[in-house]
Every structure is written in structure tokens, then in C-alpha cells.
Amino acid sequence: MVSLDFRGSLPDWIQARIAQADSQLLEAWSLRFVDARSLEDVFSD
């Protein structure tokens, strides 16, 4: 889903973070996704 909105494949570092994330972190990322202008906006700590 993210790859469709950001026009391309997800970098390996993002795929790894998603695979290792718990539900709380996934929820935080999902809230950021709404206003994000880049993948870094979504997955920054």
C-alpha cells in the first residue's frame, strides 16, 4: 500500500522496519502516513 502512494518499491530498510514493528509502532506510522510527504516522514523516529 505504501509503495503505491509513493510511486515505487519500498527500500530494504523500510521493509525490514515494517517486518520487525509491533502493533503500537505500526499504528504510529499509519497516523503519520496521512500527512507525509516522504517515506522518511512516515518512518522517522
N, C-alpha and C. Protein backbone atom coordinates (compact mmCIF):
# COMPACT_ATOMS: atom_id res chain seq x y z
N MET A 1 0.82 -1.19 0.00
CA MET A 1 0.00 0.00 0.00
C MET A 1 0.86 1.25 0.00
N VAL A 2 1.85 1.31 0.84
CA VAL A 2 2.74 2.48 0.86
C VAL A 2 3.43 2.65 -0.48
N SER A 3 3.87 1.56 -1.07
CA SER A 3 4.60 1.66 -2.33
C SER A 3 3.74 2.28 -3.43
N LEU A 4 2.44 2.07 -3.41
CA LEU A 4 1.57 2.66 -4.41
C LEU A 4 1.50 4.17 -4.27
N ASP A 5 1.40 4.66 -3.05
CA ASP A 5 1.27 6.09 -2.84
C ASP A 5 2.58 6.84 -3.06
N PHE A 6 3.70 6.21 -2.84
CA PHE A 6 4.98 6.88 -3.03
C PHE A 6 5.65 6.48 -4.33
N ARG A 7 4.91 5.82 -5.20
CA ARG A 7 5.33 5.53 -6.57
C ARG A 7 6.63 4.74 -6.67
N GLY A 8 6.64 3.55 -6.17
CA GLY A 8 7.80 2.70 -6.35
C GLY A 8 7.92 1.64 -5.29
N SER A 9 9.00 0.91 -5.37
CA SER A 9 9.27 -0.14 -4.40
C SER A 9 9.75 0.46 -3.09
N LEU A 10 9.46 -0.23 -2.01
CA LEU A 10 9.95 0.22 -0.71
C LEU A 10 11.41 -0.17 -0.56
N PRO A 11 12.24 0.72 -0.05
CA PRO A 11 13.64 0.39 0.21
C PRO A 11 13.73 -0.74 1.24
N ASP A 12 14.82 -1.48 1.17
CA ASP A 12 15.03 -2.60 2.08
C ASP A 12 14.93 -2.19 3.54
N TRP A 13 15.46 -1.00 3.89
CA TRP A 13 15.46 -0.60 5.30
C TRP A 13 14.04 -0.38 5.81
N ILE A 14 13.13 0.06 4.94
CA ILE A 14 11.74 0.24 5.36
C ILE A 14 11.04 -1.11 5.48
N GLN A 15 11.27 -1.99 4.52
CA GLN A 15 10.68 -3.32 4.60
C GLN A 15 11.10 -4.04 5.88
N ALA A 16 12.37 -3.89 6.25
CA ALA A 16 12.88 -4.52 7.48
C ALA A 16 12.21 -3.92 8.71
N ARG A 17 12.05 -2.61 8.73
CA ARG A 17 11.41 -1.95 9.88
C ARG A 17 9.96 -2.39 10.03
N ILE A 18 9.25 -2.48 8.92
CA ILE A 18 7.86 -2.92 8.95
C ILE A 18 7.76 -4.35 9.46
N ALA A 19 8.64 -5.21 8.99
CA ALA A 19 8.61 -6.62 9.39
C ALA A 19 8.87 -6.79 10.88
N GLN A 20 9.64 -5.88 11.48
CA GLN A 20 10.02 -6.01 12.89
C GLN A 20 9.16 -5.16 13.83
N ALA A 21 8.26 -4.37 13.28
CA ALA A 21 7.48 -3.43 14.09
C ALA A 21 6.38 -4.12 14.88
N ASP A 22 6.13 -3.60 16.07
CA ASP A 22 4.99 -4.08 16.86
C ASP A 22 3.75 -3.27 16.48
N SER A 23 2.61 -3.65 17.01
CA SER A 23 1.36 -3.01 16.64
C SER A 23 1.32 -1.52 17.01
N GLN A 24 1.94 -1.16 18.11
CA GLN A 24 1.96 0.25 18.52
C GLN A 24 2.73 1.11 17.52
N LEU A 25 3.86 0.62 17.06
CA LEU A 25 4.65 1.36 16.08
C LEU A 25 3.94 1.41 14.73
N LEU A 26 3.32 0.31 14.32
CA LEU A 26 2.56 0.32 13.07
C LEU A 26 1.43 1.35 13.12
N GLU A 27 0.79 1.46 14.26
CA GLU A 27 -0.28 2.45 14.41
C GLU A 27 0.28 3.87 14.30
N ALA A 28 1.41 4.13 14.94
CA ALA A 28 2.02 5.46 14.87
C ALA A 28 2.38 5.80 13.42
N TRP A 29 2.94 4.86 12.71
CA TRP A 29 3.28 5.10 11.31
C TRP A 29 2.03 5.35 10.47
N SER A 30 0.97 4.62 10.75
CA SER A 30 -0.25 4.80 9.96
C SER A 30 -0.82 6.21 10.15
N LEU A 31 -0.69 6.76 11.33
CA LEU A 31 -1.17 8.13 11.57
C LEU A 31 -0.29 9.15 10.85
N ARG A 32 0.99 8.90 10.77
CA ARG A 32 1.90 9.81 10.06
C ARG A 32 1.70 9.77 8.56
N PHE A 33 1.30 8.61 8.06
CA PHE A 33 1.17 8.41 6.62
C PHE A 33 0.19 9.40 5.99
N VAL A 34 -0.81 9.80 6.72
CA VAL A 34 -1.85 10.69 6.20
C VAL A 34 -1.26 12.02 5.71
N ASP A 35 -0.32 12.58 6.47
CA ASP A 35 0.24 13.89 6.13
C ASP A 35 1.66 13.83 5.57
N ALA A 36 2.21 12.66 5.40
CA ALA A 36 3.61 12.52 4.99
C ALA A 36 3.84 12.97 3.55
N ARG A 37 4.97 13.61 3.36
CA ARG A 37 5.39 14.00 2.02
C ARG A 37 6.51 13.09 1.52
N SER A 38 7.05 12.27 2.40
CA SER A 38 8.11 11.34 2.03
C SER A 38 8.05 10.12 2.93
N LEU A 39 8.74 9.08 2.54
CA LEU A 39 8.82 7.89 3.39
C LEU A 39 9.54 8.20 4.70
N GLU A 40 10.50 9.08 4.64
CA GLU A 40 11.21 9.47 5.86
C GLU A 40 10.28 10.14 6.86
N ASP A 41 9.29 10.88 6.36
CA ASP A 41 8.30 11.49 7.24
C ASP A 41 7.51 10.42 8.01
N VAL A 42 7.24 9.32 7.35
CA VAL A 42 6.46 8.25 7.98
C VAL A 42 7.31 7.46 8.97
N PHE A 43 8.51 7.08 8.55
CA PHE A 43 9.30 6.12 9.31
C PHE A 43 10.40 6.72 10.18
N SER A 44 10.41 8.02 10.33
CA SER A 44 11.40 8.64 11.22
C SER A 44 11.05 8.35 12.68
N ASP A 45 12.04 8.37 13.52
CA ASP A 45 11.81 8.09 14.95
C ASP A 45 11.64 9.36 15.74
